N, C-alpha and C. Protein backbone atom coordinates (compact mmCIF):
# COMPACT_ATOMS: atom_id res chain seq x y z
N MET A 1 -26.08 -13.19 38.02
CA MET A 1 -25.33 -12.82 36.63
C MET A 1 -23.85 -12.67 36.87
N ASP A 2 -23.02 -13.19 35.63
CA ASP A 2 -21.64 -13.15 35.59
C ASP A 2 -21.65 -12.03 34.50
N GLN A 3 -20.55 -11.45 35.03
CA GLN A 3 -20.14 -10.30 34.18
C GLN A 3 -18.57 -10.25 34.10
N LYS A 4 -17.78 -10.26 32.70
CA LYS A 4 -16.63 -10.31 32.58
C LYS A 4 -16.08 -9.50 31.50
N PHE A 5 -15.08 -8.71 31.93
CA PHE A 5 -14.72 -7.61 30.84
C PHE A 5 -13.31 -8.36 30.40
N VAL A 6 -13.50 -8.09 28.99
CA VAL A 6 -12.59 -9.01 28.15
C VAL A 6 -12.02 -8.26 27.22
N ASP A 7 -10.40 -8.13 26.88
CA ASP A 7 -9.83 -7.32 26.12
C ASP A 7 -9.88 -8.05 24.69
N ALA A 8 -9.65 -9.18 24.44
CA ALA A 8 -9.45 -10.38 23.37
C ALA A 8 -10.43 -11.68 23.74
N ILE A 9 -10.41 -12.08 22.44
CA ILE A 9 -10.65 -13.71 22.43
C ILE A 9 -9.73 -14.50 21.60
N THR A 10 -9.29 -15.53 22.06
CA THR A 10 -8.61 -16.35 21.22
C THR A 10 -8.46 -17.70 20.89
N ASN A 11 -7.76 -18.43 20.48
CA ASN A 11 -8.12 -20.10 20.72
C ASN A 11 -9.22 -20.55 20.43
N VAL A 12 -10.03 -20.23 19.38
CA VAL A 12 -11.69 -20.44 19.10
C VAL A 12 -11.07 -22.04 18.53
N ARG A 13 -12.21 -23.07 18.87
CA ARG A 13 -11.87 -24.36 18.59
C ARG A 13 -12.72 -25.05 18.71
N MET A 14 -13.59 -26.27 18.30
CA MET A 14 -14.05 -27.08 18.34
C MET A 14 -13.69 -28.51 19.12
N VAL A 15 -14.51 -28.57 20.33
CA VAL A 15 -14.07 -29.78 21.12
C VAL A 15 -15.17 -30.38 21.59
N SER A 16 -15.36 -31.82 20.80
CA SER A 16 -16.47 -32.86 21.34
C SER A 16 -18.05 -32.11 20.96
N GLY A 17 -18.19 -31.62 19.67
CA GLY A 17 -18.94 -30.79 19.28
C GLY A 17 -19.32 -29.22 20.10
N THR A 18 -18.77 -29.08 20.81
CA THR A 18 -18.93 -27.47 21.34
C THR A 18 -17.86 -26.47 20.60
N ILE A 19 -18.26 -25.40 20.34
CA ILE A 19 -17.28 -24.36 20.20
C ILE A 19 -16.85 -23.45 21.64
N ARG A 20 -15.31 -23.76 21.33
CA ARG A 20 -14.75 -23.20 22.78
C ARG A 20 -13.94 -22.05 22.41
N ILE A 21 -14.15 -20.72 23.39
CA ILE A 21 -13.37 -19.38 23.06
C ILE A 21 -12.73 -19.01 24.10
N ASP A 22 -11.17 -18.85 24.42
CA ASP A 22 -10.73 -18.14 25.61
C ASP A 22 -11.02 -16.71 25.51
N LEU A 23 -11.09 -16.37 26.64
CA LEU A 23 -11.14 -15.01 27.02
C LEU A 23 -10.19 -14.26 27.39
N MET A 24 -9.75 -13.19 27.08
CA MET A 24 -8.06 -12.68 27.23
C MET A 24 -8.14 -11.63 27.77
N ASN A 25 -7.15 -11.10 29.15
CA ASN A 25 -7.22 -9.58 29.52
C ASN A 25 -5.85 -9.33 29.48
N ILE A 26 -5.84 -7.96 29.22
CA ILE A 26 -4.57 -7.31 29.14
C ILE A 26 -3.88 -7.56 30.42
N THR A 27 -2.34 -8.10 31.00
CA THR A 27 -2.10 -8.09 32.12
C THR A 27 -0.63 -7.14 32.28
N GLY A 28 -0.11 -6.47 31.00
CA GLY A 28 0.89 -5.70 31.22
C GLY A 28 1.45 -5.22 30.07
N GLN A 29 2.77 -4.95 30.03
CA GLN A 29 3.61 -4.57 28.89
C GLN A 29 4.90 -5.21 28.95
N THR A 30 5.44 -5.75 27.89
CA THR A 30 7.01 -6.16 27.87
C THR A 30 7.66 -4.79 27.60
N ASP A 31 9.09 -5.02 27.90
CA ASP A 31 9.89 -3.93 27.55
C ASP A 31 10.02 -3.14 26.17
N ASP A 32 9.37 -4.03 25.33
CA ASP A 32 9.28 -3.39 23.75
C ASP A 32 8.14 -2.98 23.53
N ASN A 33 7.24 -2.83 24.58
CA ASN A 33 5.50 -2.30 24.61
C ASN A 33 4.91 -3.35 23.77
N LYS A 34 4.91 -4.69 23.80
CA LYS A 34 4.36 -5.60 23.51
C LYS A 34 3.21 -5.75 24.46
N LEU A 35 1.78 -5.92 24.25
CA LEU A 35 0.89 -6.34 25.12
C LEU A 35 0.97 -7.75 25.75
N GLN A 36 1.11 -7.59 26.82
CA GLN A 36 0.99 -9.27 27.38
C GLN A 36 -0.91 -9.67 27.93
N PHE A 37 -0.96 -10.76 27.44
CA PHE A 37 -2.29 -11.35 27.94
C PHE A 37 -2.32 -12.24 28.78
N SER A 38 -3.60 -12.53 29.54
CA SER A 38 -3.62 -14.00 30.37
C SER A 38 -4.83 -14.48 29.91
N LYS A 39 -5.31 -15.71 30.15
CA LYS A 39 -6.76 -16.30 29.60
C LYS A 39 -7.45 -16.05 31.25
N THR A 40 -8.27 -15.52 31.09
CA THR A 40 -9.19 -15.08 32.42
C THR A 40 -10.58 -16.14 32.47
N GLY A 41 -10.98 -16.76 31.26
CA GLY A 41 -11.98 -17.48 31.38
C GLY A 41 -12.35 -18.25 30.15
N GLU A 42 -13.09 -18.90 29.63
CA GLU A 42 -13.45 -19.33 28.64
C GLU A 42 -15.00 -19.80 28.23
N ILE A 43 -15.58 -19.36 27.20
CA ILE A 43 -16.71 -19.55 26.76
C ILE A 43 -17.14 -20.87 25.96
N ILE A 44 -18.11 -21.69 26.28
CA ILE A 44 -18.37 -23.05 25.89
C ILE A 44 -19.69 -22.95 25.22
N LEU A 45 -19.77 -23.00 23.93
CA LEU A 45 -21.04 -23.10 23.24
C LEU A 45 -21.34 -24.04 22.30
N SER A 46 -23.02 -24.40 22.38
CA SER A 46 -23.18 -25.27 21.49
C SER A 46 -23.48 -24.64 20.24
N PRO A 47 -23.41 -25.54 19.07
CA PRO A 47 -23.17 -25.08 17.79
C PRO A 47 -24.70 -24.00 17.49
N ASN A 48 -25.74 -24.34 18.07
CA ASN A 48 -26.95 -23.39 17.82
C ASN A 48 -26.14 -22.03 18.43
N ALA A 49 -25.89 -22.10 19.85
CA ALA A 49 -25.84 -20.60 20.75
C ALA A 49 -24.81 -20.16 20.09
N PHE A 50 -23.72 -20.62 19.55
CA PHE A 50 -22.60 -19.95 18.40
C PHE A 50 -23.16 -19.08 17.37
N ALA A 51 -24.10 -19.85 16.52
CA ALA A 51 -24.63 -19.28 15.37
C ALA A 51 -25.41 -17.89 15.73
N GLN A 52 -26.19 -18.16 16.75
CA GLN A 52 -26.80 -17.21 17.37
C GLN A 52 -26.09 -15.91 17.91
N ALA A 53 -25.01 -16.07 18.58
CA ALA A 53 -24.03 -15.18 18.96
C ALA A 53 -23.12 -14.37 17.81
N LEU A 54 -23.00 -15.31 16.73
CA LEU A 54 -22.52 -14.70 15.54
C LEU A 54 -23.43 -14.11 15.14
N LYS A 55 -24.46 -14.29 14.56
CA LYS A 55 -25.68 -13.36 13.97
C LYS A 55 -25.91 -12.08 14.68
N THR A 56 -25.92 -11.85 16.15
CA THR A 56 -26.16 -11.16 17.37
C THR A 56 -24.74 -9.93 16.92
N MET A 57 -23.70 -10.74 16.91
CA MET A 57 -22.35 -9.81 16.70
C MET A 57 -22.52 -8.76 15.33
N GLN A 58 -22.95 -9.60 14.36
CA GLN A 58 -22.88 -9.35 12.74
C GLN A 58 -23.87 -7.89 13.01
N ASP A 59 -25.18 -8.17 13.50
CA ASP A 59 -26.06 -7.05 13.56
C ASP A 59 -25.22 -5.97 14.28
N VAL A 60 -24.59 -6.26 15.49
CA VAL A 60 -24.37 -4.86 16.44
C VAL A 60 -23.08 -4.60 15.02
N ASP A 61 -22.18 -5.52 14.74
CA ASP A 61 -21.29 -4.88 13.86
C ASP A 61 -22.03 -3.74 12.84
N ALA A 62 -23.02 -4.06 12.17
CA ALA A 62 -23.45 -3.26 11.05
C ALA A 62 -24.47 -1.94 11.73
N GLU A 63 -24.84 -2.29 12.75
CA GLU A 63 -25.25 -1.21 13.31
C GLU A 63 -24.40 0.06 13.94
N LEU A 64 -22.98 -0.37 14.22
CA LEU A 64 -22.01 0.42 14.86
C LEU A 64 -21.56 1.37 13.32
N LYS A 65 -21.26 0.45 12.34
CA LYS A 65 -20.87 0.98 10.97
C LYS A 65 -21.79 2.07 10.54
N LYS A 66 -23.38 1.57 10.74
CA LYS A 66 -24.19 2.81 10.08
C LYS A 66 -24.03 4.08 10.79
N ARG A 67 -24.09 3.76 12.29
CA ARG A 67 -24.08 4.98 13.30
C ARG A 67 -23.06 5.86 12.83
N ALA A 68 -21.74 5.20 12.60
CA ALA A 68 -20.45 5.90 12.44
C ALA A 68 -20.31 6.72 10.85
N LYS A 69 -21.09 6.14 10.26
CA LYS A 69 -21.51 6.51 8.66
C LYS A 69 -22.31 7.92 8.99
N GLU A 70 -23.20 7.92 9.71
CA GLU A 70 -24.25 9.06 9.73
C GLU A 70 -23.51 10.13 10.61
N ALA A 71 -22.82 9.73 11.84
CA ALA A 71 -21.68 10.53 12.36
C ALA A 71 -21.31 11.23 11.57
N GLN A 72 -20.52 10.96 10.60
CA GLN A 72 -19.56 11.56 9.53
C GLN A 72 -20.56 12.34 8.85
N SER A 73 -21.66 11.77 8.61
CA SER A 73 -22.33 12.85 7.43
C SER A 73 -22.80 14.21 8.13
N ALA A 74 -23.35 13.80 9.42
CA ALA A 74 -23.52 15.10 10.05
C ALA A 74 -22.44 15.93 10.37
N ASN A 75 -21.42 15.53 10.65
CA ASN A 75 -20.07 16.22 10.69
C ASN A 75 -19.56 17.00 9.26
N GLY A 76 -20.15 16.47 8.24
CA GLY A 76 -19.46 17.17 6.65
C GLY A 76 -18.37 16.33 6.70
N LYS A 77 -17.90 15.19 7.30
CA LYS A 77 -16.49 14.47 7.31
C LYS A 77 -16.81 13.05 6.48
N LYS A 78 -16.00 13.03 5.21
CA LYS A 78 -16.11 11.67 4.61
C LYS A 78 -14.83 11.11 4.65
N GLN A 79 -15.00 10.03 5.37
CA GLN A 79 -13.84 9.22 5.59
C GLN A 79 -14.12 8.10 4.89
N PRO A 80 -12.47 7.25 4.51
CA PRO A 80 -13.01 6.18 3.84
C PRO A 80 -13.37 4.99 4.44
N SER A 81 -14.20 4.13 4.25
CA SER A 81 -15.20 3.09 5.19
C SER A 81 -14.17 1.84 5.34
N LYS A 82 -14.03 1.45 6.52
CA LYS A 82 -13.12 0.15 7.06
C LYS A 82 -14.23 -0.94 6.94
N ASN A 83 -13.65 -2.34 6.49
CA ASN A 83 -14.66 -3.12 6.88
C ASN A 83 -14.06 -4.42 7.71
């Protein structure tokens, strides 16, 4: 099994009926403190695989928001929600 740590994704595009997503990692900082990235890989998905991945990420996002809201309630803190 291949595992890869990813700091960002970029350049999402369609090529010959597939969805391609570049995987990026932080490689340093410039003198003005801007992050530098380099491409470390690429994911190539069929449309069905992309739809499944998108649905999974939406489900995870909803669960993370639910847990954050529950944690705020448990701590008696109410902060504005971010979408």
